[in-house]
């Protein structure tokens, strides 16, 4: 029986691609192909952009409250299909089902937050800036925007941007990761049922050609991207050359600091989630652990023991703690970093290389892996691994750890566990990353706060969601007026 072919969604219709290059979609638990997807072309991109461009004038003139009502209906439709979206996500991405549910919940929260457009998009007025002269600032939509999304959060990440773009009066094109196209396909089926005007939201599947087609298209006003730092730099540069607005969120090497006064027993569940949730495939995952003080050995021992109890297996089973990584190629990449850590002299406390799940011998599994005695210059302490591999760096005091945090090639997030308010304040004040957790293992902002790092973790000026996002999707037109 042939595998289903994933289609594009353009101008309110499901359409095939003009491309003859076909990719496979895998179930990473079973190591089996479950669908195919065409790697689209610049012609596919142009069809979507022209549909969005044609829809823009009427959508722009639709009152903001009327635009928001579409999102209210969409929110209810997502709730009705909540479990199906989550299970589709887990099937193609591999994360544990409860993590998938959490992702879908965050997706819906962004839709809810965007419905506050009438408050969040308001302009401003100042009367009598000179005698008889008033000045007004009006936020206006700009046209067609697009998102280039990653594989690790296939439901949520496009919806960090899409709701805010369309409720502001713009139209939109989504490019999901070619590795996980089924989740957004199911989501767009729901979008279609809600009945948005044709062309307001569109989706094109593909890889490099679609990305370049979006970056180079003259009718796209701006691009949002989440992924690796090298790709973020490339997108940032290309958008600069073509005059597009850009938000390019890159990679991470997040450090979690644990002070000797931390309540390690209460902290342990969140630490395990931080390092091994989503199999380590997220930009907010803990990557380096820095235990300080005379309890460092105890902290490390408890952490290793907790990691050993994790159940690895079929992500759709409720009691499974961690599923596979996304692909066979990525599994080999993660294993290569483990070999590198051994070669560089780190002490391997927990080895996940031979992780086998009996019923799923072809799955892309890597078990929890923990290195001790890692030095800040080792490869596993400097490069983003994007897998369930933890590097433990022991430091003499908080100043030394802050120095390590601030010399990584990224500045996405960092966390500290302590009961000492002065130490926590010092940490959050001095570290460079833009997202900081205190007694929190994943410093993930809610939809009404901005999301994005600093340094090589973020290229662009306006971060994702929150109130700031409306600045990205609108241009402020200033009107200075006088009446005689």
Protein backbone atom coordinates (compact mmCIF):
# COMPACT_ATOMS: atom_id res chain seq x y z
CA UNK A 1 0.00 0.00 0.00
CA UNK A 2 1.51 3.36 -1.01
CA UNK A 3 2.35 5.86 1.70
CA UNK A 4 0.24 9.02 1.90
CA UNK A 5 1.65 12.08 0.15
CA UNK A 6 1.58 15.32 2.14
CA UNK A 7 0.15 18.28 0.19
CA UNK A 8 0.57 22.03 0.32
CA UNK A 9 -2.25 24.34 1.44
CA UNK A 10 -2.52 27.34 -0.86
CA UNK A 11 -5.39 29.80 -1.32
CA UNK A 12 -7.77 27.62 0.68
CA UNK A 13 -7.05 24.45 -1.33
CA UNK A 14 -4.94 21.32 -0.84
CA UNK A 15 -2.61 21.16 -3.82
CA UNK A 16 0.28 19.00 -4.94
CA UNK A 17 3.76 20.35 -5.44
CA UNK A 18 5.39 21.11 -8.78
CA UNK A 19 8.46 19.23 -7.51
CA UNK A 20 9.47 15.69 -8.40
CA UNK A 21 11.85 15.44 -5.43
CA UNK A 22 10.19 13.33 -2.76
CA UNK A 23 11.26 12.92 0.86
CA UNK A 24 10.26 10.36 3.47
CA UNK A 25 8.56 11.00 6.80
CA UNK A 26 9.59 8.57 9.53
CA UNK A 27 8.19 7.23 12.75
CA UNK A 28 11.35 7.50 14.90
CA UNK A 29 10.13 4.96 17.45
CA UNK A 30 9.73 2.20 14.90
CA UNK A 31 12.27 3.40 12.37
CA UNK A 32 9.61 3.09 9.68
CA UNK A 33 8.45 5.34 6.85
CA UNK A 34 4.91 6.61 7.43
CA UNK A 35 4.39 9.22 4.69
CA UNK A 36 6.07 11.07 1.84
CA UNK A 37 6.39 14.78 1.17
CA UNK A 38 7.42 16.68 -1.93
CA UNK A 39 10.39 18.99 -1.50
CA UNK A 40 8.79 22.04 -3.02
CA UNK A 41 10.17 24.61 -5.43
CA UNK A 42 10.31 28.37 -5.83
CA UNK A 43 7.19 28.03 -8.01
CA UNK A 44 5.30 26.52 -5.06
CA UNK A 45 6.46 29.40 -2.89
CA UNK A 46 5.36 31.93 -5.48
CA UNK A 47 1.88 30.39 -5.68
CA UNK A 48 1.49 30.69 -1.91
CA UNK A 49 2.89 34.22 -1.74
CA UNK A 50 0.69 35.45 -4.59
CA UNK A 51 -2.37 33.97 -2.88
CA UNK A 52 -1.40 35.70 0.36
CA UNK A 53 -0.69 38.95 -1.46
CA UNK A 54 -4.07 38.89 -3.17
CA UNK A 55 -5.83 38.23 0.14
CA UNK A 56 -4.05 41.04 1.99
CA UNK A 57 -6.09 44.14 0.94
CA UNK A 58 -9.43 42.74 2.08
CA UNK A 59 -8.01 41.06 5.18
CA UNK A 60 -6.27 44.28 6.16
CA UNK A 61 -9.59 46.14 6.03
CA UNK A 62 -11.31 43.51 8.15
CA UNK A 63 -11.80 45.06 11.61
CA UNK A 64 -9.40 43.73 14.26
CA UNK A 65 -12.24 42.33 16.36
CA UNK A 66 -13.54 40.42 13.35
CA UNK A 67 -10.07 39.02 12.70
CA UNK A 68 -9.82 38.02 16.36
CA UNK A 69 -13.12 36.13 16.15
CA UNK A 70 -11.53 33.72 13.68
CA UNK A 71 -8.91 32.99 16.33
CA UNK A 72 -11.58 32.46 18.99
CA UNK A 73 -13.22 29.85 16.75
CA UNK A 74 -9.85 28.33 15.94
CA UNK A 75 -8.99 28.04 19.63
CA UNK A 76 -12.17 26.05 20.27
CA UNK A 77 -11.50 23.82 17.27
CA UNK A 78 -7.98 23.13 18.51
CA UNK A 79 -9.38 22.17 21.91
CA UNK A 80 -11.79 19.73 20.29
CA UNK A 81 -8.93 18.08 18.39
CA UNK A 82 -6.32 18.47 21.12
CA UNK A 83 -5.48 14.81 21.65
CA UNK A 84 -5.36 13.98 17.95
CA UNK A 85 -2.89 16.81 17.28
CA UNK A 86 -0.70 15.64 20.15
CA UNK A 87 -0.69 12.03 19.02
CA UNK A 88 0.10 13.00 15.43
CA UNK A 89 2.99 15.09 16.74
CA UNK A 90 4.39 12.23 18.82
CA UNK A 91 4.04 9.76 15.97
CA UNK A 92 6.29 11.72 13.61
CA UNK A 93 8.53 13.59 16.06
CA UNK A 94 9.07 11.01 18.80
CA UNK A 95 8.68 13.07 21.97
CA UNK A 96 6.76 11.59 24.90
CA UNK A 97 3.01 12.02 24.59
CA UNK A 98 2.70 14.21 27.67
CA UNK A 99 5.39 16.51 26.28
CA UNK A 100 3.43 16.68 23.03
CA UNK A 101 0.32 17.66 24.95
CA UNK A 102 2.28 20.41 26.66
CA UNK A 103 3.45 21.68 23.28
CA UNK A 104 -0.06 21.78 21.87
CA UNK A 105 -1.23 23.64 24.97
CA UNK A 106 1.46 26.29 24.41
CA UNK A 107 0.38 26.56 20.78
CA UNK A 108 -3.21 27.24 21.84
CA UNK A 109 -2.07 29.79 24.44
CA UNK A 110 -0.52 31.87 21.65
CA UNK A 111 -3.81 31.85 19.78
CA UNK A 112 -5.55 33.00 22.97
CA UNK A 113 -3.03 35.77 23.60
CA UNK A 114 -3.27 37.08 20.04
CA UNK A 115 -7.01 37.67 20.46
CA UNK A 116 -6.09 40.66 22.62
CA UNK A 117 -5.15 42.56 19.47
CA UNK A 118 -7.36 45.56 20.25
CA UNK A 119 -5.25 46.26 23.34
CA UNK A 120 -1.87 45.07 22.12
CA UNK A 121 -1.94 46.82 18.74
CA UNK A 122 -3.24 50.21 19.84
CA UNK A 123 -1.46 53.28 18.53
CA UNK A 124 -0.93 56.54 20.38
CA UNK A 125 -1.74 60.24 20.13
CA UNK A 126 -0.16 63.41 21.48
CA UNK A 127 -2.14 66.60 21.07
CA UNK A 128 -0.66 70.06 20.67
CA UNK A 129 2.91 69.04 19.95
CA UNK A 130 2.91 72.60 18.69
CA UNK A 131 0.02 75.06 18.82
CA UNK A 132 -2.90 73.49 17.00
CA UNK A 133 -0.87 70.54 15.74
CA UNK A 134 -1.49 66.93 16.81
CA UNK A 135 0.59 63.80 16.22
CA UNK A 136 -0.72 60.26 15.91
CA UNK A 137 1.08 56.91 15.66
CA UNK A 138 -0.86 54.17 13.88
CA UNK A 139 0.19 50.51 13.75
CA UNK A 140 -0.53 49.16 10.28
CA UNK A 141 -0.08 45.67 8.78
CA UNK A 142 2.52 45.35 6.07
CA UNK A 143 1.62 42.43 3.81
CA UNK A 144 2.89 38.86 3.54
CA UNK A 145 5.05 37.26 6.24
CA UNK A 146 6.42 33.71 6.57
CA UNK A 147 7.88 31.31 9.11
CA UNK A 148 10.56 28.66 8.59
CA UNK A 149 9.97 26.16 11.38
CA UNK A 150 12.13 23.45 13.03
CA UNK A 151 11.43 19.77 13.63
CA UNK A 152 11.60 19.75 17.42
CA UNK A 153 8.35 21.64 18.10
CA UNK A 154 6.30 21.08 14.95
CA UNK A 155 2.99 22.29 16.42
CA UNK A 156 4.03 25.18 18.63
CA UNK A 157 6.78 27.14 16.87
CA UNK A 158 4.82 28.27 13.78
CA UNK A 159 2.15 29.51 16.16
CA UNK A 160 4.61 31.67 18.07
CA UNK A 161 4.22 33.95 15.03
CA UNK A 162 1.22 33.13 12.83
CA UNK A 163 -1.62 34.27 15.15
CA UNK A 164 0.00 37.65 15.77
CA UNK A 165 0.72 38.20 12.09
CA UNK A 166 -2.80 37.52 10.87
CA UNK A 167 -4.66 39.20 13.73
CA UNK A 168 -2.57 42.31 12.94
CA UNK A 169 -3.96 42.21 9.40
CA UNK A 170 -1.12 40.50 7.54
CA UNK A 171 -1.32 37.27 5.56
CA UNK A 172 0.97 34.31 6.08
CA UNK A 173 2.96 31.39 4.70
CA UNK A 174 4.18 28.50 6.86
CA UNK A 175 7.13 26.30 5.90
CA UNK A 176 7.17 23.33 8.32
CA UNK A 177 10.23 21.15 8.73
CA UNK A 178 10.23 18.53 6.01
CA UNK A 179 10.94 15.93 8.72
CA UNK A 180 7.64 16.56 10.52
CA UNK A 181 5.04 17.80 8.01
CA UNK A 182 2.09 15.79 9.34
CA UNK A 183 1.47 17.87 12.46
CA UNK A 184 0.96 21.17 10.65
CA UNK A 185 -1.04 19.35 7.99
CA UNK A 186 -3.53 18.22 10.64
CA UNK A 187 -3.52 21.72 12.14
CA UNK A 188 -4.21 23.28 8.73
CA UNK A 189 -7.09 20.87 8.19
CA UNK A 190 -8.61 22.45 11.29
CA UNK A 191 -7.75 25.93 10.03
CA UNK A 192 -9.56 25.07 6.80
CA UNK A 193 -12.63 23.89 8.72
CA UNK A 194 -12.77 27.16 10.65
CA UNK A 195 -13.09 28.94 7.31
CA UNK A 196 -10.48 31.67 7.13
CA UNK A 197 -10.75 33.71 3.92
CA UNK A 198 -8.82 32.13 1.07
CA UNK A 199 -5.16 33.08 0.96
CA UNK A 200 -4.89 34.46 4.49
CA UNK A 201 -2.96 31.40 5.70
CA UNK A 202 -0.93 29.13 3.42
CA UNK A 203 1.56 26.29 3.83
CA UNK A 204 4.36 25.04 1.58
CA UNK A 205 6.41 21.94 2.37
CA UNK A 206 10.00 21.45 1.35
CA UNK A 207 13.62 21.98 2.15
CA UNK A 208 16.39 24.30 0.93
CA UNK A 209 14.67 25.42 -2.29
CA UNK A 210 11.56 26.50 -0.39
CA UNK A 211 13.64 28.33 2.23
CA UNK A 212 15.56 30.23 -0.45
CA UNK A 213 12.35 30.90 -2.33
CA UNK A 214 10.89 32.57 0.74
CA UNK A 215 14.06 34.51 1.52
CA UNK A 216 14.35 35.87 -2.00
CA UNK A 217 10.69 36.54 -2.81
CA UNK A 218 10.16 40.29 -3.32
CA UNK A 219 6.59 40.19 -1.97
CA UNK A 220 7.47 38.83 1.47
CA UNK A 221 7.90 41.54 4.10
CA UNK A 222 9.49 39.49 6.86
CA UNK A 223 10.71 36.07 7.97
CA UNK A 224 10.59 34.33 11.35
CA UNK A 225 12.93 31.38 11.86
CA UNK A 226 13.80 28.95 14.65
CA UNK A 227 16.64 26.45 14.25
CA UNK A 228 20.40 26.13 14.33
CA UNK A 229 22.73 29.10 14.64
CA UNK A 230 24.48 28.55 11.26
CA UNK A 231 21.12 28.59 9.50
CA UNK A 232 19.94 31.55 11.56
CA UNK A 233 23.03 33.52 10.48
CA UNK A 234 22.40 32.58 6.85
CA UNK A 235 18.76 33.69 7.01
CA UNK A 236 19.65 36.90 8.83
CA UNK A 237 22.21 37.78 6.17
CA UNK A 238 19.91 36.96 3.24
CA UNK A 239 17.04 38.96 4.73
CA UNK A 240 19.38 41.89 5.22
CA UNK A 241 20.37 41.74 1.56
CA UNK A 242 16.74 41.73 0.41
CA UNK A 243 15.45 44.27 2.95
CA UNK A 244 13.17 41.93 4.86
CA UNK A 245 12.41 42.09 8.53
CA UNK A 246 13.81 39.06 10.31
CA UNK A 247 13.64 37.15 13.58
CA UNK A 248 16.16 34.30 13.44
CA UNK A 249 16.36 32.29 16.65
CA UNK A 250 19.42 30.05 16.79
CA UNK A 251 21.03 27.38 18.94
CA UNK A 252 21.95 27.08 22.59
CA UNK A 253 24.36 25.64 25.14
CA UNK A 254 22.42 26.18 28.34
CA UNK A 255 24.07 25.88 31.75
CA UNK A 256 22.17 24.92 34.90
CA UNK A 257 23.95 25.97 38.09
CA UNK A 258 23.20 24.11 41.33
CA UNK A 259 24.27 25.76 44.57
CA UNK A 260 25.03 23.66 47.64
CA UNK A 261 21.93 25.01 49.42
CA UNK A 262 19.55 23.86 46.65
CA UNK A 263 16.78 21.46 47.61
CA UNK A 264 18.02 18.80 45.25
CA UNK A 265 15.26 16.28 45.99
CA UNK A 266 12.55 18.74 45.07
CA UNK A 267 14.57 19.98 42.12
CA UNK A 268 15.32 16.56 40.61
CA UNK A 269 12.14 16.08 38.54
CA UNK A 270 12.62 19.44 36.85
CA UNK A 271 16.32 18.74 36.28
CA UNK A 272 15.56 15.43 34.59
CA UNK A 273 12.97 17.17 32.41
CA UNK A 274 15.40 19.96 31.60
CA UNK A 275 18.17 17.68 30.35
CA UNK A 276 16.25 14.75 28.90
CA UNK A 277 12.83 16.13 27.95
CA UNK A 278 12.23 15.93 24.20
CA UNK A 279 15.37 13.74 24.18
CA UNK A 280 17.40 16.92 24.64
CA UNK A 281 16.17 18.31 21.31
CA UNK A 282 15.15 21.79 22.34
CA UNK A 283 16.85 25.14 22.59
CA UNK A 284 15.91 25.49 26.26
CA UNK A 285 17.27 22.11 27.33
CA UNK A 286 19.93 21.97 29.99
CA UNK A 287 23.21 20.97 28.38
CA UNK A 288 25.82 21.68 31.04
CA UNK A 289 25.36 21.09 34.77
CA UNK A 290 27.48 23.12 37.19
CA UNK A 291 27.18 21.80 40.77
CA UNK A 292 28.93 23.97 43.36
CA UNK A 293 30.09 23.46 46.91
CA UNK A 294 30.58 20.50 49.19
CA UNK A 295 27.43 18.74 47.98
CA UNK A 296 28.54 18.46 44.36
CA UNK A 297 29.25 14.71 44.59
CA UNK A 298 25.87 14.09 46.20
CA UNK A 299 24.08 16.14 43.53
CA UNK A 300 25.81 14.27 40.71
CA UNK A 301 25.10 10.88 42.26
CA UNK A 302 21.40 11.63 42.71
CA UNK A 303 21.16 12.99 39.18
CA UNK A 304 22.77 9.88 37.66
CA UNK A 305 20.53 7.58 39.71
CA UNK A 306 17.42 9.48 38.65
CA UNK A 307 18.45 9.31 34.98
CA UNK A 308 18.91 5.55 35.27
CA UNK A 309 15.26 5.12 36.28
CA UNK A 310 13.89 6.76 33.14
CA UNK A 311 11.77 4.52 30.94
CA UNK A 312 12.82 4.76 27.29
CA UNK A 313 10.39 3.48 24.70
CA UNK A 314 7.30 4.08 22.59
CA UNK A 315 6.45 7.74 23.10
CA UNK A 316 2.72 7.08 22.84
CA UNK A 317 2.76 5.01 26.03
CA UNK A 318 1.80 7.09 29.05
CA UNK A 319 4.56 5.80 31.35
CA UNK A 320 7.44 6.39 28.91
CA UNK A 321 9.81 9.13 30.08
CA UNK A 322 11.80 9.65 26.89
CA UNK A 323 11.44 8.68 23.27
CA UNK A 324 13.93 8.56 20.38
CA UNK A 325 15.72 11.35 18.58
CA UNK A 326 14.29 12.54 15.29
CA UNK A 327 16.21 10.43 12.75
CA UNK A 328 18.88 7.82 12.15
CA UNK A 329 21.23 10.55 10.91
CA UNK A 330 20.72 12.63 14.03
CA UNK A 331 21.24 9.58 16.22
CA UNK A 332 24.64 9.08 14.59
CA UNK A 333 25.45 12.75 15.14
CA UNK A 334 24.67 12.51 18.87
CA UNK A 335 26.65 9.28 19.18
CA UNK A 336 29.56 11.02 17.51
CA UNK A 337 29.56 13.68 20.22
CA UNK A 338 29.60 10.98 22.91
CA UNK A 339 32.64 9.41 21.27
CA UNK A 340 34.23 12.86 21.12
CA UNK A 341 33.68 13.37 24.84
CA UNK A 342 35.36 10.08 25.63
CA UNK A 343 38.29 10.90 23.33
CA UNK A 344 38.78 14.27 24.99
CA UNK A 345 39.05 12.69 28.43
CA UNK A 346 35.71 13.36 30.08
CA UNK A 347 34.49 10.73 32.56
CA UNK A 348 31.47 8.83 31.24
CA UNK A 349 29.15 8.21 34.19
CA UNK A 350 26.12 7.05 32.21
CA UNK A 351 26.39 5.68 28.68
CA UNK A 352 23.38 5.89 26.37
CA UNK A 353 25.03 4.59 23.23
CA UNK A 354 23.67 1.06 23.40
CA UNK A 355 20.11 2.00 24.30
CA UNK A 356 17.88 -0.74 22.88
CA UNK A 357 14.11 -0.95 23.19
CA UNK A 358 13.15 -4.58 22.72
CA UNK A 359 9.96 -4.12 20.73
CA UNK A 360 11.48 -1.42 18.55
CA UNK A 361 14.93 -2.53 17.42
CA UNK A 362 14.94 -0.09 14.49
CA UNK A 363 14.06 2.98 16.57
CA UNK A 364 16.36 5.99 16.75
CA UNK A 365 17.03 5.73 20.48
CA UNK A 366 19.86 7.29 22.49
CA UNK A 367 19.75 6.79 26.25
CA UNK A 368 20.51 9.43 28.88
CA UNK A 369 24.24 10.13 28.80
CA UNK A 370 26.20 11.94 31.51
CA UNK A 371 29.84 13.09 31.45
CA UNK A 372 31.70 14.28 34.54
CA UNK A 373 34.98 16.20 34.80
CA UNK A 374 34.26 18.15 31.65
CA UNK A 375 36.37 21.24 31.04
CA UNK A 376 34.92 24.38 29.45
CA UNK A 377 37.06 24.02 26.32
CA UNK A 378 35.95 20.48 25.42
CA UNK A 379 33.83 20.01 22.31
CA UNK A 380 30.91 18.62 24.32
CA UNK A 381 30.98 21.78 26.44
CA UNK A 382 31.08 24.24 23.54
CA UNK A 383 29.03 22.83 20.65
CA UNK A 384 25.29 22.28 20.56
CA UNK A 385 24.65 18.51 20.63
CA UNK A 386 20.83 18.61 20.59
CA UNK A 387 20.49 15.25 22.28
CA UNK A 388 20.27 13.67 25.76
CA UNK A 389 23.92 14.30 26.63
CA UNK A 390 24.90 16.17 29.81
CA UNK A 391 28.30 17.68 30.57
CA UNK A 392 29.16 18.30 34.22
CA UNK A 393 31.58 21.16 34.82
CA UNK A 394 32.71 21.59 38.41
CA UNK A 395 33.58 25.11 39.49
CA UNK A 396 34.88 26.60 42.70
CA UNK A 397 32.33 29.41 43.02
CA UNK A 398 29.51 31.29 41.36
CA UNK A 399 31.79 33.81 39.67
CA UNK A 400 33.58 31.00 37.87
CA UNK A 401 30.31 29.52 36.64
CA UNK A 402 29.05 32.89 35.44
CA UNK A 403 32.31 33.19 33.51
CA UNK A 404 31.63 29.84 31.83
CA UNK A 405 28.05 30.84 31.01
CA UNK A 406 29.20 34.09 29.43
CA UNK A 407 31.93 32.50 27.32
CA UNK A 408 29.71 29.96 25.55
CA UNK A 409 29.07 30.67 21.89
CA UNK A 410 25.37 31.09 22.68
CA UNK A 411 23.23 33.11 25.08
CA UNK A 412 19.79 31.55 25.00
CA UNK A 413 18.94 30.48 28.54
CA UNK A 414 20.48 29.60 31.89
CA UNK A 415 19.10 28.43 35.23
CA UNK A 416 20.16 28.40 38.85
CA UNK A 417 18.93 26.32 41.79
CA UNK A 418 19.43 27.97 45.17
CA UNK A 419 17.61 29.14 48.30
CA UNK A 420 19.84 32.22 48.49
CA UNK A 421 18.15 35.31 47.08
CA UNK A 422 21.37 37.29 46.85
CA UNK A 423 23.05 34.57 44.80
CA UNK A 424 20.01 34.27 42.54
CA UNK A 425 19.95 38.02 41.99
CA UNK A 426 23.65 38.11 41.17
CA UNK A 427 23.19 35.28 38.69
CA UNK A 428 20.22 36.71 36.82
CA UNK A 429 21.89 40.14 36.71
CA UNK A 430 25.30 39.02 35.40
CA UNK A 431 24.63 36.16 32.97
CA UNK A 432 24.21 37.09 29.30
CA UNK A 433 21.38 34.72 28.28
CA UNK A 434 18.03 36.43 27.83
CA UNK A 435 15.94 33.75 29.54
CA UNK A 436 16.81 32.85 33.12
CA UNK A 437 15.24 30.28 35.43
CA UNK A 438 15.48 30.34 39.22
CA UNK A 439 14.67 26.94 40.68
CA UNK A 440 13.22 26.25 37.22
CA UNK A 441 14.91 23.85 34.81
CA UNK A 442 13.31 25.13 31.60
CA UNK A 443 13.18 28.93 31.35
CA UNK A 444 10.27 28.91 28.90
CA UNK A 445 8.25 32.16 28.87
CA UNK A 446 4.48 32.03 28.56
CA UNK A 447 2.93 33.45 25.40
CA UNK A 448 2.45 36.91 26.91
CA UNK A 449 6.20 37.33 27.52
CA UNK A 450 8.84 37.53 24.74
CA UNK A 451 10.82 34.47 23.67
CA UNK A 452 14.36 34.71 22.35
CA UNK A 453 18.00 34.65 23.33
CA UNK A 454 20.99 36.93 22.85
CA UNK A 455 24.38 36.68 21.18
CA UNK A 456 24.57 33.82 18.69
CA UNK A 457 21.21 32.51 19.86
CA UNK A 458 19.23 35.40 18.34
CA UNK A 459 19.61 37.42 15.15
CA UNK A 460 17.18 40.29 14.81
CA UNK A 461 15.68 42.93 17.06
CA UNK A 462 12.19 41.73 18.01
CA UNK A 463 11.68 38.45 19.84
CA UNK A 464 8.93 35.89 19.50
CA UNK A 465 5.40 36.25 20.93
CA UNK A 466 4.66 38.48 23.93
CA UNK A 467 3.66 42.12 23.42
CA UNK A 468 6.76 42.94 21.38
CA UNK A 469 5.72 40.70 18.50
CA UNK A 470 3.20 43.26 17.25
CA UNK A 471 6.11 45.61 16.56
CA UNK A 472 7.51 43.04 14.13
CA UNK A 473 4.28 42.56 12.21
CA UNK A 474 3.29 46.22 11.91
CA UNK A 475 4.74 49.47 10.66
CA UNK A 476 4.09 52.59 12.71
CA UNK A 477 2.75 55.33 10.48
CA UNK A 478 3.09 58.76 12.07
CA UNK A 479 0.54 61.42 11.08
CA UNK A 480 1.18 65.05 12.01
CA UNK A 481 -1.90 67.17 11.38
CA UNK A 482 -3.19 70.71 11.68
CA UNK A 483 -6.64 72.06 10.77
CA UNK A 484 -7.30 75.73 9.91
